[in-house]
Amino acid sequence: MEDNIEDLYENAPCGYLSTLLDGQIAKVNNTLLEWLGYTRAELVGRRHFNDLLTVGGRLYHETHFAPLLRMQGEVTGIALELRTAGGERLPVLISSVVKAGADGQPQLIRTTVFDARDRRAYEAELLRARREAERERERLQRVNTILQRTLLPPALEPVPGLDVAAHYHIASLDEVGGDFYDLFPLAPGRWGFFLGDVCGKGAEAAALTSRVRYTLRGAAVQDPEPDSVLSRLNRVMLDAHHPDDPRFCTVLYGQLTLGRDAAHIALAGGGHPAALLLRADGSADFLPTAGGQLIGVLPEADITTVSTMLLPGDTLLLYSDGIIEARTGPADVYGEEGLLAFVRDLAPATATELVTALRELLAELGGGVLDDTALLALHLLPAEAAQLVPMDPARKGHEVRRSSSQ
């Protein structure tokens, strides 16, 4: 079936408009006339294209559209608004091309006009939905932030003779992390502390984190040995084990006993990255609890305990794996060796100085930090050492003890 060319032009599903080089309308099809509510006699030879534009559209046409058309000879897909005979705004998409004569000189401008009312309504709905999603995300982030705070102590307990500092770096506000830490008194001159990381994120991880924290604090009051505390935590987590949602955690739990010239540290490890010990002489190295197994996986978890002395000017650092797993390149991570080199450059350092420097490091790593990071540092102040309780010199140095959860 042959189509009528004139009818195709006049009643096309888009508007057609031809103007002289000065913008005077020379030809217009029925479709555009019906959209605008004008007669042909009111436009052809009497109006310019600019006359059909809104004030803002006219300004854009004069400063951008027309100069670009003169330089390129063609402009496509420009969003404008036309003013109808009744004064209403008609959102449209405009494409124009310069028609040249046989001598190559420009003769007129041909313009195609597409009705963008449905598209504008669709875009407005998308924008509304996006704003609603952003508001919902902000609300969820506020809830997550509040929930995250409830999983951490509002402030660290002051310890006589020690400088203590902690920090929690949130990698993403969209999910609650499972990292945790705490420091609390057990008896005169004796303190418990821990730092760990629960598998997973979200509400389930938050619930487990809360259970782990309270279990550790409760067990610490009853059990004198750090490995016994982690053994009890292991049993509690196994009792709450769900086959469809297995959960475990890594943790370092320690006890600090103050002495006259030192503080004794007993530290038990369950699958957690080794602590770092910065000495007053400027050296620094890991305090490994090698072999300690994940908590909440095996009925008889192998738990390693290490003992050491914190001397005046020394600092003990506990951290979660977010910092050592931070991306520094497409296939590179910061790593334990990177962290060790960083603290060796700082040593000796107080707990406050160390945590402040690590906060700045996390900020520099930026988006490469894909997981939350918890930091806890304990530093024995030289000026306060004389106020501490005497301790058996034979306990100075490192002692390692292993036990199994029963």
Protein backbone atom coordinates (compact mmCIF):
# COMPACT_ATOMS: atom_id res chain seq x y z
CA MET A 1 0.00 0.00 0.00
CA GLU A 2 1.44 3.33 -1.07
CA ASP A 3 1.41 6.17 1.45
CA ASN A 4 0.55 9.77 0.55
CA ILE A 5 3.69 11.87 1.02
CA GLU A 6 1.78 15.06 1.76
CA ASP A 7 -0.43 13.31 4.32
CA LEU A 8 2.63 11.72 5.88
CA TYR A 9 4.15 15.19 6.37
CA GLU A 10 1.01 16.92 7.60
CA ASN A 11 -0.19 14.22 9.99
CA ALA A 12 3.07 12.65 11.10
CA PRO A 13 3.34 11.53 14.75
CA CYS A 14 5.79 14.41 15.28
CA GLY A 15 5.81 18.10 14.47
CA TYR A 16 7.61 19.48 11.41
CA LEU A 17 8.73 23.09 11.13
CA SER A 18 10.76 24.90 8.46
CA THR A 19 12.18 28.38 9.10
CA LEU A 20 14.28 30.86 7.21
CA LEU A 21 17.78 31.54 8.46
CA ASP A 22 16.49 34.43 10.58
CA GLY A 23 14.01 32.08 12.28
CA GLN A 24 10.85 33.19 10.43
CA ILE A 25 8.42 30.28 10.09
CA ALA A 26 8.08 29.19 6.47
CA LYS A 27 6.25 25.90 6.83
CA VAL A 28 4.57 23.92 9.62
CA ASN A 29 2.60 20.66 9.64
CA ASN A 30 -0.87 19.99 11.05
CA THR A 31 0.43 17.92 13.93
CA LEU A 32 2.40 20.82 15.42
CA LEU A 33 -0.43 23.25 14.76
CA GLU A 34 -2.83 21.03 16.71
CA TRP A 35 -0.36 20.72 19.63
CA LEU A 36 0.11 24.48 19.79
CA GLY A 37 -3.47 25.52 19.04
CA TYR A 38 -2.54 27.91 16.21
CA THR A 39 -3.77 28.17 12.64
CA ARG A 40 -1.29 28.04 9.78
CA ALA A 41 -2.04 31.67 8.87
CA GLU A 42 -1.13 32.80 12.39
CA LEU A 43 2.38 31.34 12.13
CA VAL A 44 3.63 31.07 8.54
CA GLY A 45 5.31 34.31 7.46
CA ARG A 46 4.15 36.05 10.68
CA ARG A 47 6.03 34.46 13.59
CA HIS A 48 9.57 33.42 14.29
CA PHE A 49 10.59 30.18 15.96
CA ASN A 50 11.72 32.15 19.00
CA ASP A 51 8.17 33.47 19.41
CA LEU A 52 6.99 29.93 20.21
CA LEU A 53 9.49 29.42 23.06
CA THR A 54 9.15 30.21 26.73
CA VAL A 55 11.40 32.95 28.16
CA GLY A 56 13.92 30.42 29.43
CA GLY A 57 13.79 28.47 26.17
CA ARG A 58 14.32 31.63 24.16
CA LEU A 59 17.40 32.50 26.17
CA TYR A 60 18.84 29.01 25.75
CA HIS A 61 18.07 29.07 22.00
CA GLU A 62 19.86 32.36 21.49
CA THR A 63 22.94 31.55 23.59
CA HIS A 64 23.42 27.83 22.89
CA PHE A 65 21.10 26.25 20.33
CA ALA A 66 21.41 28.74 17.47
CA PRO A 67 25.23 29.22 17.72
CA LEU A 68 25.73 25.46 17.86
CA LEU A 69 23.47 24.98 14.84
CA ARG A 70 25.43 27.55 12.84
CA MET A 71 28.75 25.87 13.68
CA GLN A 72 27.71 22.23 13.23
CA GLY A 73 24.80 22.48 10.83
CA GLU A 74 22.84 20.06 13.01
CA VAL A 75 21.60 19.83 16.60
CA THR A 76 19.64 16.86 17.98
CA GLY A 77 17.65 15.94 21.07
CA ILE A 78 17.48 19.36 22.79
CA ALA A 79 14.82 19.64 25.51
CA LEU A 80 12.82 22.88 25.32
CA GLU A 81 9.37 24.14 26.16
CA LEU A 82 6.99 25.71 23.62
CA ARG A 83 4.24 28.13 24.58
CA THR A 84 0.79 27.17 23.18
CA ALA A 85 -1.79 29.66 21.95
CA GLY A 86 -3.57 29.26 25.28
CA GLY A 87 -0.40 30.08 27.26
CA GLU A 88 0.33 26.54 28.40
CA ARG A 89 3.80 24.99 28.39
CA LEU A 90 4.47 22.10 26.02
CA PRO A 91 7.67 20.14 26.80
CA VAL A 92 9.30 18.99 23.56
CA LEU A 93 12.50 17.51 22.16
CA ILE A 94 13.92 19.50 19.24
CA SER A 95 16.22 18.36 16.42
CA SER A 96 17.24 20.82 13.72
CA VAL A 97 19.35 20.62 10.56
CA VAL A 98 20.46 23.35 8.13
CA LYS A 99 19.30 22.76 4.53
CA ALA A 100 21.81 24.00 1.93
CA GLY A 101 21.14 24.87 -1.72
CA ALA A 102 22.92 23.60 -4.82
CA ASP A 103 25.61 26.24 -4.30
CA GLY A 104 26.27 24.94 -0.80
CA GLN A 105 24.91 28.03 0.90
CA PRO A 106 22.41 27.63 3.78
CA GLN A 107 18.82 28.20 2.70
CA LEU A 108 16.57 27.23 5.59
CA ILE A 109 16.37 25.27 8.83
CA ARG A 110 14.31 22.10 9.14
CA THR A 111 13.18 21.19 12.64
CA THR A 112 11.51 18.09 14.03
CA VAL A 113 9.49 18.44 17.25
CA PHE A 114 8.64 15.50 19.51
CA ASP A 115 5.98 15.74 22.21
CA ALA A 116 7.79 15.10 25.52
CA ARG A 117 4.82 15.36 27.89
CA ASP A 118 4.72 11.64 28.63
CA ARG A 119 8.50 11.56 28.93
CA ARG A 120 8.45 14.55 31.28
CA ALA A 121 5.81 12.88 33.44
CA TYR A 122 7.89 9.68 33.47
CA GLU A 123 11.03 11.60 34.42
CA ALA A 124 9.13 13.44 37.16
CA GLU A 125 7.95 10.11 38.54
CA LEU A 126 11.48 8.74 38.41
CA LEU A 127 12.75 11.83 40.21
CA ARG A 128 10.04 11.51 42.85
CA ALA A 129 10.85 7.84 43.34
CA ARG A 130 14.57 8.63 43.55
CA ARG A 131 14.01 11.31 46.17
CA GLU A 132 11.80 8.95 48.14
CA ALA A 133 14.47 6.25 47.92
CA GLU A 134 17.12 8.74 49.07
CA ARG A 135 14.95 9.76 52.04
CA GLU A 136 14.41 6.11 52.91
CA ARG A 137 18.13 5.44 52.60
CA GLU A 138 18.92 8.40 54.86
CA ARG A 139 16.38 7.13 57.39
CA LEU A 140 17.91 3.65 57.26
CA GLN A 141 21.40 5.09 57.66
CA ARG A 142 20.28 7.02 60.76
CA VAL A 143 18.80 3.84 62.21
CA ASN A 144 21.98 1.90 61.38
CA THR A 145 24.13 4.59 62.99
CA ILE A 146 22.06 4.53 66.17
CA LEU A 147 22.11 0.72 66.24
CA GLN A 148 25.87 0.71 65.66
CA ARG A 149 26.38 3.02 68.63
CA THR A 150 24.43 0.69 70.92
CA LEU A 151 26.90 -2.09 70.09
CA LEU A 152 29.88 -0.05 71.31
CA PRO A 153 30.66 1.48 74.71
CA PRO A 154 29.73 5.18 74.76
CA ALA A 155 33.18 5.87 76.27
CA LEU A 156 36.12 3.83 77.47
CA GLU A 157 36.49 3.32 81.20
CA PRO A 158 39.47 5.31 82.54
CA VAL A 159 42.29 3.08 83.78
CA PRO A 160 44.71 4.51 86.36
CA GLY A 161 48.18 4.85 84.87
CA LEU A 162 47.05 4.12 81.30
CA ASP A 163 46.24 6.14 78.23
CA VAL A 164 43.45 4.28 76.40
CA ALA A 165 41.90 5.08 73.03
CA ALA A 166 39.46 3.45 70.61
CA HIS A 167 37.90 4.18 67.26
CA TYR A 168 35.25 2.61 65.03
CA HIS A 169 35.54 3.30 61.30
CA ILE A 170 32.30 2.69 59.41
CA ALA A 171 32.96 1.55 55.83
CA SER A 172 29.33 1.93 54.74
CA LEU A 173 26.32 3.58 56.38
CA ASP A 174 23.99 1.24 54.53
CA GLU A 175 24.64 -1.77 56.77
CA VAL A 176 25.40 -2.34 60.43
CA GLY A 177 28.84 -3.86 60.88
CA GLY A 178 29.76 -6.67 63.22
CA ASP A 179 32.96 -5.28 64.76
CA PHE A 180 33.03 -4.63 68.52
CA TYR A 181 35.32 -3.70 71.41
CA ASP A 182 35.11 -2.95 75.12
CA LEU A 183 37.18 -2.18 78.21
CA PHE A 184 35.80 -2.71 81.73
CA PRO A 185 36.94 -3.23 85.36
CA LEU A 186 36.99 -6.74 86.84
CA ALA A 187 38.53 -6.14 90.26
CA PRO A 188 40.79 -3.54 91.88
CA GLY A 189 43.83 -3.27 89.63
CA ARG A 190 42.46 -5.73 87.04
CA TRP A 191 40.69 -4.93 83.79
CA GLY A 192 39.12 -6.91 80.98
CA PHE A 193 39.19 -5.86 77.34
CA PHE A 194 38.27 -7.38 74.00
CA LEU A 195 37.96 -6.62 70.31
CA GLY A 196 36.39 -8.82 67.67
CA ASP A 197 34.44 -9.19 64.47
CA VAL A 198 31.21 -11.09 63.85
CA CYS A 199 30.69 -12.79 60.49
CA GLY A 200 28.31 -10.88 58.24
CA LYS A 201 26.48 -7.56 58.39
CA GLY A 202 22.98 -6.29 59.02
CA ALA A 203 20.42 -6.90 61.74
CA GLU A 204 21.39 -10.54 62.30
CA ALA A 205 25.04 -9.63 62.76
CA ALA A 206 24.06 -6.80 65.12
CA ALA A 207 22.00 -9.18 67.25
CA LEU A 208 24.89 -11.63 67.44
CA THR A 209 27.35 -8.83 68.24
CA SER A 210 25.20 -7.79 71.18
CA ARG A 211 25.05 -11.38 72.44
CA VAL A 212 28.82 -11.78 72.09
CA ARG A 213 29.57 -8.56 74.00
CA TYR A 214 27.33 -9.40 76.94
CA THR A 215 28.52 -13.01 77.02
CA LEU A 216 32.13 -11.88 77.17
CA ARG A 217 31.48 -9.40 79.95
CA GLY A 218 29.45 -11.92 81.93
CA ALA A 219 32.00 -14.71 81.49
CA ALA A 220 34.87 -12.38 82.38
CA VAL A 221 33.39 -11.81 85.84
CA GLN A 222 33.19 -15.56 86.57
CA ASP A 223 36.26 -16.97 84.79
CA PRO A 224 39.75 -15.88 85.89
CA GLU A 225 41.49 -17.07 82.70
CA PRO A 226 41.02 -15.48 79.26
CA ASP A 227 40.92 -18.84 77.46
CA SER A 228 38.06 -19.96 79.72
CA VAL A 229 36.15 -16.81 78.81
CA LEU A 230 36.46 -17.57 75.10
CA SER A 231 35.57 -21.23 75.73
CA ARG A 232 32.32 -20.13 77.33
CA LEU A 233 31.61 -17.78 74.42
CA ASN A 234 32.23 -20.67 72.03
CA ARG A 235 29.66 -22.84 73.83
CA VAL A 236 27.08 -20.05 73.85
CA MET A 237 27.47 -19.48 70.13
CA LEU A 238 27.25 -23.19 69.36
CA ASP A 239 24.06 -23.46 71.44
CA ALA A 240 22.54 -20.67 69.34
CA HIS A 241 23.77 -22.20 66.07
CA HIS A 242 21.24 -22.25 63.23
CA PRO A 243 22.01 -24.55 60.25
CA ASP A 244 20.46 -22.14 57.74
CA ASP A 245 22.40 -19.16 59.05
CA PRO A 246 25.74 -20.22 60.55
CA ARG A 247 27.45 -17.44 62.45
CA PHE A 248 30.88 -17.20 64.00
CA CYS A 249 33.25 -14.53 65.19
CA THR A 250 36.92 -13.78 65.66
CA VAL A 251 37.97 -12.17 68.92
CA LEU A 252 40.86 -11.22 71.16
CA TYR A 253 40.02 -11.17 74.86
CA GLY A 254 42.55 -10.00 77.41
CA GLN A 255 43.03 -9.18 81.06
CA LEU A 256 45.31 -6.40 82.25
CA THR A 257 46.68 -6.44 85.80
CA LEU A 258 48.37 -3.31 87.04
CA GLY A 259 51.71 -3.55 88.87
CA ARG A 260 54.15 -1.06 90.33
CA ASP A 261 56.46 -0.87 87.35
CA ALA A 262 54.52 -2.74 84.68
CA ALA A 263 51.16 -4.14 83.68
CA HIS A 264 50.68 -7.85 83.05
CA ILE A 265 48.72 -8.75 79.91
CA ALA A 266 47.08 -12.14 79.36
CA LEU A 267 45.56 -12.29 75.88
CA ALA A 268 43.47 -15.12 74.41
CA GLY A 269 42.88 -15.37 70.67
CA GLY A 270 40.12 -16.99 68.71
CA GLY A 271 40.95 -16.70 64.99
CA HIS A 272 41.57 -12.95 65.17
CA PRO A 273 44.48 -11.00 63.62
CA ALA A 274 47.43 -10.77 66.00
CA ALA A 275 47.72 -7.73 68.27
CA LEU A 276 50.61 -5.30 67.86
CA LEU A 277 52.97 -4.33 70.66
CA LEU A 278 54.83 -1.02 70.40
CA ARG A 279 57.74 -0.77 72.83
CA ALA A 280 59.09 2.36 74.47
CA ASP A 281 62.45 1.80 72.76
CA GLY A 282 60.82 2.40 69.33
CA SER A 283 60.47 -1.22 68.27
CA ALA A 284 57.16 -2.82 67.30
CA ASP A 285 56.04 -6.32 66.42
CA PHE A 286 53.07 -8.65 66.44
CA LEU A 287 51.98 -10.42 69.63
CA PRO A 288 50.72 -13.58 67.90
CA THR A 289 48.12 -15.97 69.26
CA ALA A 290 48.91 -18.45 66.52
CA GLY A 291 46.53 -21.38 66.10
CA GLY A 292 43.53 -19.79 67.78
CA GLN A 293 40.42 -21.01 66.00
CA LEU A 294 37.21 -19.24 65.06
CA ILE A 295 34.68 -18.94 67.86
CA GLY A 296 31.33 -20.63 67.27
CA VAL A 297 32.44 -23.26 64.74
CA LEU A 298 33.91 -26.28 66.58
CA PRO A 299 32.77 -27.78 69.90
CA GLU A 300 36.38 -27.98 71.04
CA ALA A 301 37.95 -24.82 69.66
CA ASP A 302 41.71 -24.50 70.03
CA ILE A 303 42.26 -21.23 71.92
CA THR A 304 45.73 -19.74 72.32
CA THR A 305 46.70 -17.53 75.26
CA VAL A 306 49.80 -15.38 75.33
CA SER A 307 51.16 -13.45 78.32
CA THR A 308 53.41 -10.41 78.21
CA MET A 309 54.39 -7.36 80.22
CA LEU A 310 53.38 -3.84 79.29
CA LEU A 311 56.28 -1.67 80.45
CA PRO A 312 56.19 2.11 80.89
CA GLY A 313 55.92 3.71 77.45
CA ASP A 314 54.65 0.51 75.78
CA THR A 315 51.40 0.36 73.79
CA LEU A 316 49.21 -2.62 72.89
CA LEU A 317 47.03 -2.31 69.78
CA LEU A 318 44.05 -4.49 68.90
CA TYR A 319 42.38 -4.04 65.50
CA SER A 320 39.90 -5.75 63.21
CA ASP A 321 40.66 -6.90 59.68
CA GLY A 322 39.02 -3.99 57.83
CA ILE A 323 42.28 -2.05 57.83
CA ILE A 324 44.54 -4.89 56.68
CA GLU A 325 42.08 -5.96 53.97
CA ALA A 326 41.73 -2.42 52.59
CA ARG A 327 42.30 -2.24 48.84
CA THR A 328 45.34 -0.26 47.68
CA GLY A 329 45.07 -1.41 44.05
CA PRO A 330 43.05 -3.72 41.78
CA ALA A 331 44.71 -6.81 43.27
CA ASP A 332 46.54 -5.36 46.28
CA VAL A 333 45.58 -5.02 49.94
CA TYR A 334 47.21 -3.02 52.70
CA GLY A 335 48.05 -6.20 54.60
CA GLU A 336 49.55 -7.01 57.98
CA GLU A 337 53.04 -6.09 56.84
CA GLY A 338 51.81 -2.68 55.71
CA LEU A 339 50.24 -2.09 59.10
CA LEU A 340 53.36 -3.28 60.90
CA ALA A 341 55.56 -0.93 58.88
CA PHE A 342 53.16 1.93 59.62
CA VAL A 343 53.23 1.46 63.42
CA ARG A 344 57.01 0.90 63.42
CA ASP A 345 57.37 4.36 61.92
CA LEU A 346 55.21 5.72 64.77
CA ALA A 347 56.75 3.84 67.69
CA PRO A 348 56.98 4.79 70.45
CA ALA A 349 53.48 6.29 70.61
CA THR A 350 50.73 6.71 73.16
CA ALA A 351 47.34 5.10 72.61
CA THR A 352 45.84 8.45 71.64
CA GLU A 353 48.63 9.22 69.17
CA LEU A 354 48.44 5.75 67.64
CA VAL A 355 44.66 5.71 67.18
CA THR A 356 44.72 9.25 65.77
CA ALA A 357 47.32 8.25 63.19
CA LEU A 358 45.37 5.13 62.25
CA ARG A 359 42.19 7.18 61.83
CA GLU A 360 44.06 9.40 59.39
CA LEU A 361 45.36 6.30 57.58
CA LEU A 362 41.83 4.93 57.20
CA ALA A 363 40.72 8.29 55.81
CA GLU A 364 43.58 8.22 53.28
CA LEU A 365 42.66 4.68 52.20
CA GLY A 366 39.14 6.03 51.61
CA GLY A 367 36.93 3.82 49.45
CA GLY A 368 39.52 1.07 49.59
CA VAL A 369 38.33 0.27 53.12
CA LEU A 370 35.52 -2.14 52.26
CA ASP A 371 34.82 -3.43 55.77
CA ASP A 372 34.38 -1.76 59.14
CA THR A 373 37.47 -1.36 61.32
CA ALA A 374 37.64 -1.32 65.12
CA LEU A 375 40.70 -0.08 67.00
CA LEU A 376 41.58 -0.36 70.70
CA ALA A 377 44.91 0.76 72.17
CA LEU A 378 46.31 0.58 75.72
CA HIS A 379 49.42 2.56 76.71
CA LEU A 380 51.22 2.45 80.06
CA LEU A 381 52.15 5.97 81.09
CA PRO A 382 55.71 6.28 82.44
CA ALA A 383 54.80 9.09 84.83
CA GLU A 384 52.11 6.97 86.51
CA ALA A 385 54.11 3.75 86.92
CA ALA A 386 55.18 4.45 90.51
CA GLN A 387 51.52 4.38 91.67
CA LEU A 388 50.98 0.78 90.56
CA VAL A 389 51.05 -2.39 92.64
CA PRO A 390 54.25 -4.53 92.87
CA MET A 391 54.45 -7.51 90.56
CA ASP A 392 56.57 -10.63 90.45
CA PRO A 393 59.57 -9.90 88.14
CA ALA A 394 59.53 -13.53 87.03
CA ARG A 395 56.33 -12.80 85.04
CA LYS A 396 58.05 -10.33 82.72
CA GLY A 397 58.43 -11.52 79.12
CA HIS A 398 56.16 -13.64 76.89
CA GLU A 399 54.37 -16.79 77.95
CA VAL A 400 52.15 -18.81 75.61
CA ARG A 401 49.50 -21.25 76.77
CA ARG A 402 47.04 -23.30 74.72
CA SER A 403 43.71 -24.77 75.72
CA SER A 404 40.69 -26.39 74.07
CA SER A 405 37.06 -25.44 74.59
CA GLN A 406 35.17 -28.22 76.31
